[in-house]
């Protein structure tokens, strides 16, 4: 049985979740997730270890590749460097494997993770920032709780 599963499919390849879902390796393996991208600074210690375990055990053929991008969920956080890196990772992996399943999480799956997905849609899928935000909001209703992040996303196309 899987507890605390809170996941939303945003695109064919991209899913957003909370921390407990992203840490539930049994569920992730059962659902054939290939990549987990953590954006919560509060969970960084856990995901840094998973990232190291993946790289140290490649010969054991690990099924899930982990990335840790601890991001503070506050009004002083500049998302730009993380958005560009995460968008590149998502884009590269989708090009390499069009059937890949990527899970992006933060603590609750409402602010940091959805902002990174919106950044990907804006930068790599040429979506208008407002359209990207509304598209994600139509799938994950309570998303975009940090207004500073929304303001940064709205300016992202002007870079």
N, C-alpha and C. Protein backbone atom coordinates (compact mmCIF):
# COMPACT_ATOMS: atom_id res chain seq x y z
N UNK A 1 0.85 -1.19 0.00
CA UNK A 1 0.00 0.00 0.00
C UNK A 1 0.89 1.25 0.00
N UNK A 2 0.48 2.27 -0.73
CA UNK A 2 1.26 3.50 -0.85
C UNK A 2 0.57 4.62 -0.07
N UNK A 3 1.29 5.19 0.87
CA UNK A 3 0.75 6.27 1.69
C UNK A 3 1.27 7.61 1.18
N UNK A 4 0.48 8.63 1.38
CA UNK A 4 0.88 10.01 1.04
C UNK A 4 1.16 10.22 -0.44
N UNK A 5 0.50 9.48 -1.31
CA UNK A 5 0.71 9.67 -2.74
C UNK A 5 -0.08 10.91 -3.17
N UNK A 6 0.65 11.88 -3.67
CA UNK A 6 0.06 13.14 -4.09
C UNK A 6 0.81 13.54 -5.36
N UNK A 7 0.28 13.15 -6.49
CA UNK A 7 1.02 13.33 -7.75
C UNK A 7 0.06 13.82 -8.82
N UNK A 8 0.57 14.69 -9.69
CA UNK A 8 -0.22 15.22 -10.79
C UNK A 8 0.58 15.11 -12.07
N UNK A 9 -0.05 14.56 -13.10
CA UNK A 9 0.58 14.50 -14.42
C UNK A 9 0.38 15.85 -15.08
N UNK A 10 1.49 16.50 -15.46
CA UNK A 10 1.42 17.82 -16.10
C UNK A 10 1.51 17.67 -17.62
N UNK A 11 2.47 16.90 -18.08
CA UNK A 11 2.61 16.60 -19.51
C UNK A 11 2.79 15.09 -19.65
N UNK A 12 2.98 14.64 -20.86
CA UNK A 12 3.19 13.20 -21.09
C UNK A 12 4.33 12.66 -20.23
N UNK A 13 5.38 13.47 -20.04
CA UNK A 13 6.59 13.01 -19.36
C UNK A 13 6.79 13.57 -17.96
N UNK A 14 6.11 14.64 -17.62
CA UNK A 14 6.42 15.38 -16.40
C UNK A 14 5.29 15.29 -15.39
N UNK A 15 5.68 14.93 -14.16
CA UNK A 15 4.75 14.82 -13.04
C UNK A 15 5.27 15.68 -11.90
N UNK A 16 4.35 16.17 -11.08
CA UNK A 16 4.70 16.99 -9.92
C UNK A 16 4.17 16.28 -8.68
N UNK A 17 4.97 16.32 -7.61
CA UNK A 17 4.53 15.67 -6.38
C UNK A 17 5.05 16.39 -5.15
N UNK A 18 4.60 15.90 -4.01
CA UNK A 18 5.11 16.37 -2.73
C UNK A 18 6.31 15.51 -2.32
N UNK A 19 6.93 15.87 -1.21
CA UNK A 19 8.10 15.15 -0.73
C UNK A 19 7.85 13.69 -0.40
N UNK A 20 6.79 13.36 0.37
CA UNK A 20 6.56 11.94 0.70
C UNK A 20 6.39 11.06 -0.54
N UNK A 21 5.75 11.56 -1.57
CA UNK A 21 5.60 10.77 -2.80
C UNK A 21 6.95 10.54 -3.45
N UNK A 22 7.76 11.59 -3.53
CA UNK A 22 9.08 11.48 -4.17
C UNK A 22 10.02 10.56 -3.40
N UNK A 23 9.79 10.40 -2.11
CA UNK A 23 10.64 9.54 -1.29
C UNK A 23 10.14 8.09 -1.27
N UNK A 24 9.00 7.84 -1.87
CA UNK A 24 8.41 6.50 -1.86
C UNK A 24 8.95 5.69 -3.05
N UNK A 25 10.13 5.15 -2.88
CA UNK A 25 10.82 4.46 -3.97
C UNK A 25 10.03 3.26 -4.49
N UNK A 26 9.36 2.55 -3.62
CA UNK A 26 8.54 1.41 -4.05
C UNK A 26 7.48 1.86 -5.05
N UNK A 27 6.82 2.96 -4.75
CA UNK A 27 5.81 3.51 -5.66
C UNK A 27 6.44 3.97 -6.97
N UNK A 28 7.55 4.69 -6.87
CA UNK A 28 8.21 5.22 -8.07
C UNK A 28 8.65 4.10 -9.01
N UNK A 29 9.17 3.03 -8.45
CA UNK A 29 9.58 1.90 -9.27
C UNK A 29 8.38 1.21 -9.90
N UNK A 30 7.33 1.04 -9.12
CA UNK A 30 6.11 0.40 -9.63
C UNK A 30 5.52 1.20 -10.79
N UNK A 31 5.60 2.53 -10.70
CA UNK A 31 5.03 3.41 -11.72
C UNK A 31 6.04 3.75 -12.83
N UNK A 32 7.20 3.14 -12.79
CA UNK A 32 8.23 3.28 -13.83
C UNK A 32 8.78 4.70 -13.99
N UNK A 33 8.99 5.39 -12.89
CA UNK A 33 9.65 6.69 -12.97
C UNK A 33 11.13 6.49 -13.20
N UNK A 34 11.70 7.33 -14.07
CA UNK A 34 13.11 7.23 -14.41
C UNK A 34 13.96 8.28 -13.70
N UNK A 35 13.37 9.44 -13.46
CA UNK A 35 14.11 10.56 -12.89
C UNK A 35 13.27 11.23 -11.82
N UNK A 36 13.94 11.61 -10.72
CA UNK A 36 13.31 12.42 -9.68
C UNK A 36 14.18 13.65 -9.50
N UNK A 37 13.54 14.82 -9.60
CA UNK A 37 14.23 16.10 -9.40
C UNK A 37 13.64 16.75 -8.16
N UNK A 38 14.45 16.83 -7.11
CA UNK A 38 14.02 17.46 -5.87
C UNK A 38 14.32 18.94 -5.91
N UNK A 39 13.33 19.77 -5.55
CA UNK A 39 13.55 21.22 -5.50
C UNK A 39 13.41 21.77 -4.09
N UNK A 40 13.16 20.92 -3.10
CA UNK A 40 12.95 21.37 -1.73
C UNK A 40 14.25 21.35 -0.94
N UNK A 41 14.64 22.50 -0.41
CA UNK A 41 15.86 22.55 0.38
C UNK A 41 15.70 21.72 1.65
N UNK A 42 14.47 21.63 2.14
CA UNK A 42 14.19 20.88 3.37
C UNK A 42 14.47 19.39 3.20
N UNK A 43 14.46 18.91 1.96
CA UNK A 43 14.66 17.48 1.68
C UNK A 43 16.01 17.20 1.03
N UNK A 44 16.85 18.22 0.94
CA UNK A 44 18.12 18.08 0.22
C UNK A 44 19.02 16.98 0.76
N UNK A 45 19.12 16.85 2.06
CA UNK A 45 20.00 15.82 2.62
C UNK A 45 19.60 14.43 2.12
N UNK A 46 18.31 14.16 2.12
CA UNK A 46 17.81 12.86 1.66
C UNK A 46 18.13 12.65 0.18
N UNK A 47 17.84 13.66 -0.65
CA UNK A 47 18.02 13.49 -2.09
C UNK A 47 19.48 13.59 -2.53
N UNK A 48 20.31 14.32 -1.81
CA UNK A 48 21.74 14.33 -2.12
C UNK A 48 22.30 12.93 -1.93
N UNK A 49 21.89 12.25 -0.87
CA UNK A 49 22.34 10.88 -0.64
C UNK A 49 21.84 9.96 -1.75
N UNK A 50 20.58 10.11 -2.18
CA UNK A 50 20.04 9.29 -3.27
C UNK A 50 20.82 9.55 -4.57
N UNK A 51 21.16 10.82 -4.81
CA UNK A 51 21.92 11.18 -6.00
C UNK A 51 23.30 10.51 -5.97
N UNK A 52 23.97 10.57 -4.83
CA UNK A 52 25.27 9.92 -4.68
C UNK A 52 25.15 8.41 -4.81
N UNK A 53 24.13 7.85 -4.17
CA UNK A 53 23.91 6.40 -4.27
C UNK A 53 23.74 5.98 -5.72
N UNK A 54 23.00 6.78 -6.50
CA UNK A 54 22.80 6.45 -7.91
C UNK A 54 24.13 6.41 -8.65
N UNK A 55 24.93 7.46 -8.49
CA UNK A 55 26.20 7.52 -9.22
C UNK A 55 27.18 6.47 -8.73
N UNK A 56 27.15 6.15 -7.47
CA UNK A 56 28.06 5.14 -6.93
C UNK A 56 27.64 3.71 -7.24
N UNK A 57 26.39 3.51 -7.63
CA UNK A 57 25.91 2.16 -7.87
C UNK A 57 25.47 1.93 -9.31
N UNK A 58 25.94 2.75 -10.23
CA UNK A 58 25.53 2.59 -11.63
C UNK A 58 25.75 1.17 -12.14
N UNK A 59 26.80 0.54 -11.68
CA UNK A 59 27.06 -0.82 -12.14
C UNK A 59 25.97 -1.79 -11.68
N UNK A 60 25.24 -1.42 -10.64
CA UNK A 60 24.12 -2.25 -10.19
C UNK A 60 22.85 -1.97 -10.98
N UNK A 61 22.96 -1.07 -11.97
CA UNK A 61 21.84 -0.74 -12.84
C UNK A 61 20.65 -0.12 -12.10
N UNK A 62 20.92 0.95 -11.38
CA UNK A 62 19.85 1.66 -10.67
C UNK A 62 18.78 2.08 -11.65
N UNK A 63 17.56 2.02 -11.23
CA UNK A 63 16.43 2.30 -12.11
C UNK A 63 16.02 3.78 -12.10
N UNK A 64 16.29 4.49 -11.00
CA UNK A 64 15.87 5.89 -10.88
C UNK A 64 17.10 6.76 -10.69
N UNK A 65 17.19 7.80 -11.52
CA UNK A 65 18.27 8.78 -11.40
C UNK A 65 17.73 9.97 -10.62
N UNK A 66 18.48 10.41 -9.62
CA UNK A 66 18.06 11.50 -8.76
C UNK A 66 18.90 12.76 -9.00
N UNK A 67 18.23 13.90 -8.92
CA UNK A 67 18.89 15.20 -8.96
C UNK A 67 18.39 16.01 -7.76
N UNK A 68 19.30 16.70 -7.12
CA UNK A 68 18.91 17.54 -5.98
C UNK A 68 19.21 19.00 -6.29
N UNK A 69 18.16 19.83 -6.24
CA UNK A 69 18.29 21.27 -6.43
C UNK A 69 17.57 21.96 -5.27
N UNK A 70 18.13 21.91 -4.10
CA UNK A 70 17.47 22.52 -2.95
C UNK A 70 17.22 24.01 -3.19
N UNK A 71 15.97 24.41 -3.15
CA UNK A 71 15.56 25.80 -3.39
C UNK A 71 14.77 26.28 -2.19
N UNK A 72 15.11 27.45 -1.68
CA UNK A 72 14.33 28.04 -0.59
C UNK A 72 13.01 28.58 -1.15
N UNK A 73 11.95 28.34 -0.42
CA UNK A 73 10.62 28.84 -0.81
C UNK A 73 10.37 30.14 -0.06
N UNK A 74 11.05 31.20 -0.51
CA UNK A 74 10.85 32.51 0.13
C UNK A 74 10.91 33.62 -0.91
N UNK A 75 10.67 34.83 -0.47
CA UNK A 75 10.58 35.97 -1.38
C UNK A 75 11.93 36.50 -1.85
N UNK A 76 13.02 35.96 -1.33
CA UNK A 76 14.36 36.43 -1.74
C UNK A 76 15.05 35.47 -2.70
N UNK A 77 14.43 34.36 -3.02
CA UNK A 77 15.06 33.34 -3.85
C UNK A 77 14.99 33.72 -5.33
N UNK A 78 16.16 33.68 -5.97
CA UNK A 78 16.25 33.89 -7.41
C UNK A 78 16.20 32.52 -8.08
N UNK A 79 15.14 32.27 -8.82
CA UNK A 79 14.94 30.97 -9.45
C UNK A 79 15.73 30.77 -10.74
N UNK A 80 16.14 31.86 -11.37
CA UNK A 80 16.70 31.79 -12.72
C UNK A 80 17.77 30.71 -12.91
N UNK A 81 18.82 30.66 -12.07
CA UNK A 81 19.86 29.64 -12.32
C UNK A 81 19.31 28.21 -12.26
N UNK A 82 18.43 27.96 -11.32
CA UNK A 82 17.86 26.61 -11.16
C UNK A 82 16.92 26.28 -12.32
N UNK A 83 16.12 27.26 -12.74
CA UNK A 83 15.18 27.03 -13.84
C UNK A 83 15.94 26.61 -15.10
N UNK A 84 17.01 27.32 -15.43
CA UNK A 84 17.77 27.00 -16.63
C UNK A 84 18.37 25.59 -16.54
N UNK A 85 18.93 25.25 -15.39
CA UNK A 85 19.53 23.92 -15.23
C UNK A 85 18.49 22.81 -15.31
N UNK A 86 17.40 22.98 -14.60
CA UNK A 86 16.36 21.95 -14.58
C UNK A 86 15.70 21.82 -15.94
N UNK A 87 15.45 22.95 -16.61
CA UNK A 87 14.85 22.89 -17.96
C UNK A 87 15.76 22.11 -18.92
N UNK A 88 17.08 22.32 -18.80
CA UNK A 88 18.03 21.58 -19.64
C UNK A 88 18.00 20.08 -19.35
N UNK A 89 17.95 19.74 -18.08
CA UNK A 89 17.91 18.31 -17.70
C UNK A 89 16.64 17.66 -18.24
N UNK A 90 15.51 18.31 -18.04
CA UNK A 90 14.24 17.76 -18.52
C UNK A 90 14.28 17.60 -20.04
N UNK A 91 14.66 18.66 -20.72
CA UNK A 91 14.67 18.65 -22.19
C UNK A 91 15.60 17.57 -22.74
N UNK A 92 16.81 17.51 -22.21
CA UNK A 92 17.79 16.52 -22.66
C UNK A 92 17.24 15.09 -22.50
N UNK A 93 16.68 14.81 -21.34
CA UNK A 93 16.20 13.46 -21.07
C UNK A 93 14.99 13.09 -21.90
N UNK A 94 14.12 14.04 -22.17
CA UNK A 94 12.96 13.76 -23.03
C UNK A 94 13.42 13.51 -24.47
N UNK A 95 14.41 14.26 -24.92
CA UNK A 95 14.96 14.03 -26.28
C UNK A 95 15.58 12.64 -26.35
N UNK A 96 16.32 12.24 -25.31
CA UNK A 96 16.97 10.93 -25.29
C UNK A 96 15.97 9.78 -25.22
N UNK A 97 14.88 10.01 -24.49
CA UNK A 97 13.88 8.96 -24.30
C UNK A 97 12.49 9.59 -24.26
N UNK A 98 11.78 9.61 -25.37
CA UNK A 98 10.46 10.25 -25.43
C UNK A 98 9.41 9.63 -24.49
N UNK A 99 9.69 8.46 -23.94
CA UNK A 99 8.74 7.81 -23.02
C UNK A 99 9.16 7.93 -21.56
N UNK A 100 10.16 8.74 -21.28
CA UNK A 100 10.67 8.88 -19.92
C UNK A 100 9.60 9.47 -19.00
N UNK A 101 9.68 9.10 -17.73
CA UNK A 101 8.79 9.67 -16.71
C UNK A 101 9.64 10.41 -15.69
N UNK A 102 9.40 11.72 -15.58
CA UNK A 102 10.18 12.58 -14.71
C UNK A 102 9.26 13.12 -13.62
N UNK A 103 9.69 12.95 -12.37
CA UNK A 103 8.95 13.47 -11.23
C UNK A 103 9.71 14.64 -10.64
N UNK A 104 9.04 15.77 -10.48
CA UNK A 104 9.64 16.94 -9.87
C UNK A 104 8.88 17.20 -8.59
N UNK A 105 9.61 17.29 -7.49
CA UNK A 105 8.95 17.47 -6.20
C UNK A 105 9.49 18.66 -5.43
N UNK A 106 8.67 19.13 -4.53
CA UNK A 106 9.08 20.01 -3.44
C UNK A 106 8.35 19.48 -2.21
N UNK A 107 8.31 20.20 -1.14
CA UNK A 107 7.68 19.65 0.07
C UNK A 107 6.21 19.32 -0.15
N UNK A 108 5.46 20.26 -0.73
CA UNK A 108 4.03 20.04 -0.92
C UNK A 108 3.63 19.92 -2.39
N UNK A 109 4.56 20.20 -3.30
CA UNK A 109 4.25 20.11 -4.73
C UNK A 109 3.41 21.27 -5.22
N UNK A 110 3.57 22.43 -4.59
CA UNK A 110 2.71 23.57 -4.93
C UNK A 110 3.46 24.81 -5.39
N UNK A 111 4.73 24.92 -5.12
CA UNK A 111 5.41 26.18 -5.43
C UNK A 111 6.69 25.96 -6.22
N UNK A 112 7.71 25.41 -5.59
CA UNK A 112 9.00 25.26 -6.26
C UNK A 112 8.93 24.31 -7.44
N UNK A 113 8.32 23.15 -7.23
CA UNK A 113 8.27 22.14 -8.31
C UNK A 113 7.47 22.64 -9.50
N UNK A 114 6.31 23.23 -9.27
CA UNK A 114 5.50 23.71 -10.40
C UNK A 114 6.16 24.89 -11.09
N UNK A 115 6.91 25.69 -10.33
CA UNK A 115 7.64 26.80 -10.95
C UNK A 115 8.72 26.29 -11.90
N UNK A 116 9.38 25.20 -11.52
CA UNK A 116 10.40 24.61 -12.40
C UNK A 116 9.77 24.03 -13.66
N UNK A 117 8.60 23.40 -13.53
CA UNK A 117 7.92 22.87 -14.70
C UNK A 117 7.48 24.01 -15.61
N UNK A 118 6.96 25.08 -15.02
CA UNK A 118 6.57 26.25 -15.82
C UNK A 118 7.79 26.82 -16.54
N UNK A 119 8.92 26.89 -15.85
CA UNK A 119 10.15 27.36 -16.49
C UNK A 119 10.53 26.52 -17.69
N UNK A 120 10.41 25.21 -17.55
CA UNK A 120 10.68 24.32 -18.68
C UNK A 120 9.73 24.61 -19.85
N UNK A 121 8.45 24.73 -19.55
CA UNK A 121 7.46 24.99 -20.61
C UNK A 121 7.74 26.33 -21.31
N UNK A 122 8.16 27.31 -20.55
CA UNK A 122 8.45 28.63 -21.12
C UNK A 122 9.73 28.60 -21.96
N UNK A 123 10.80 28.03 -21.39
CA UNK A 123 12.11 28.07 -22.06
C UNK A 123 12.26 27.05 -23.18
N UNK A 124 11.74 25.86 -22.99
CA UNK A 124 12.00 24.79 -23.96
C UNK A 124 10.81 24.45 -24.84
N UNK A 125 9.61 24.81 -24.41
CA UNK A 125 8.43 24.56 -25.23
C UNK A 125 7.83 25.86 -25.78
N UNK A 126 8.53 26.96 -25.56
CA UNK A 126 8.15 28.29 -26.06
C UNK A 126 6.72 28.69 -25.67
N UNK A 127 6.31 28.30 -24.49
CA UNK A 127 4.99 28.65 -24.01
C UNK A 127 5.05 30.05 -23.39
N UNK A 128 4.00 30.81 -23.58
CA UNK A 128 3.89 32.11 -22.93
C UNK A 128 3.86 31.88 -21.41
N UNK A 129 4.55 32.72 -20.63
CA UNK A 129 4.59 32.50 -19.18
C UNK A 129 3.21 32.37 -18.53
N UNK A 130 2.30 33.26 -18.88
CA UNK A 130 0.96 33.19 -18.29
C UNK A 130 0.23 31.92 -18.71
N UNK A 131 0.41 31.51 -19.96
CA UNK A 131 -0.20 30.26 -20.43
C UNK A 131 0.37 29.06 -19.69
N UNK A 132 1.68 29.06 -19.45
CA UNK A 132 2.31 27.96 -18.72
C UNK A 132 1.76 27.86 -17.30
N UNK A 133 1.64 29.00 -16.66
CA UNK A 133 1.11 29.03 -15.28
C UNK A 133 -0.33 28.52 -15.25
N UNK A 134 -1.17 29.03 -16.15
CA UNK A 134 -2.57 28.59 -16.17
C UNK A 134 -2.70 27.12 -16.57
N UNK A 135 -1.85 26.67 -17.47
CA UNK A 135 -1.87 25.27 -17.88
C UNK A 135 -1.61 24.36 -16.68
N UNK A 136 -0.58 24.69 -15.91
CA UNK A 136 -0.26 23.88 -14.74
C UNK A 136 -1.34 24.01 -13.67
N UNK A 137 -1.82 25.23 -13.48
CA UNK A 137 -2.87 25.46 -12.48
C UNK A 137 -4.15 24.69 -12.82
N UNK A 138 -4.41 24.48 -14.10
CA UNK A 138 -5.61 23.73 -14.49
C UNK A 138 -5.48 22.25 -14.10
N UNK A 139 -4.26 21.79 -13.89
CA UNK A 139 -4.04 20.40 -13.52
C UNK A 139 -3.78 20.23 -12.02
N UNK A 140 -3.13 21.21 -11.41
CA UNK A 140 -2.80 21.17 -9.98
C UNK A 140 -3.33 22.47 -9.37
N UNK A 141 -4.57 22.43 -8.93
CA UNK A 141 -5.35 23.63 -8.61
C UNK A 141 -4.72 24.58 -7.59
N UNK A 142 -4.12 24.07 -6.54
CA UNK A 142 -3.58 24.93 -5.48
C UNK A 142 -2.15 25.38 -5.74
N UNK A 143 -1.65 25.21 -6.94
CA UNK A 143 -0.25 25.50 -7.23
C UNK A 143 0.04 27.00 -7.30
N UNK A 144 1.32 27.31 -7.33
CA UNK A 144 1.87 28.68 -7.43
C UNK A 144 1.52 29.51 -6.20
N UNK A 145 1.91 28.99 -5.05
CA UNK A 145 1.62 29.69 -3.80
C UNK A 145 2.63 30.80 -3.50
N UNK A 146 3.79 30.80 -4.15
CA UNK A 146 4.78 31.84 -3.92
C UNK A 146 4.69 32.87 -5.04
N UNK A 147 4.19 34.04 -4.71
CA UNK A 147 3.96 35.10 -5.72
C UNK A 147 5.28 35.63 -6.29
N UNK A 148 6.36 35.60 -5.52
CA UNK A 148 7.67 36.00 -6.02
C UNK A 148 8.08 35.09 -7.19
N UNK A 149 7.83 33.80 -7.06
CA UNK A 149 8.16 32.87 -8.13
C UNK A 149 7.33 33.15 -9.38
N UNK A 150 6.05 33.44 -9.18
CA UNK A 150 5.17 33.76 -10.32
C UNK A 150 5.70 34.99 -11.04
N UNK A 151 6.08 36.03 -10.29
CA UNK A 151 6.61 37.25 -10.91
C UNK A 151 7.88 36.96 -11.70
N UNK A 152 8.73 36.09 -11.20
CA UNK A 152 9.95 35.74 -11.93
C UNK A 152 9.62 34.97 -13.21
N UNK A 153 8.64 34.09 -13.14
CA UNK A 153 8.24 33.34 -14.33
C UNK A 153 7.67 34.26 -15.39
N UNK A 154 6.91 35.25 -14.98
CA UNK A 154 6.31 36.19 -15.94
C UNK A 154 7.38 36.99 -16.68
N UNK A 155 8.54 37.18 -16.06
CA UNK A 155 9.64 37.92 -16.69
C UNK A 155 10.61 37.02 -17.44
N UNK A 156 10.42 35.73 -17.34
CA UNK A 156 11.38 34.78 -17.90
C UNK A 156 11.53 34.88 -19.41
N UNK A 157 10.48 35.15 -20.12
CA UNK A 157 10.53 35.22 -21.59
C UNK A 157 11.32 36.44 -22.08
N UNK A 158 11.46 37.44 -21.22
CA UNK A 158 12.15 38.67 -21.60
C UNK A 158 13.67 38.60 -21.44
N UNK A 159 14.18 37.42 -21.13
CA UNK A 159 15.62 37.28 -20.88
C UNK A 159 16.37 37.22 -22.21
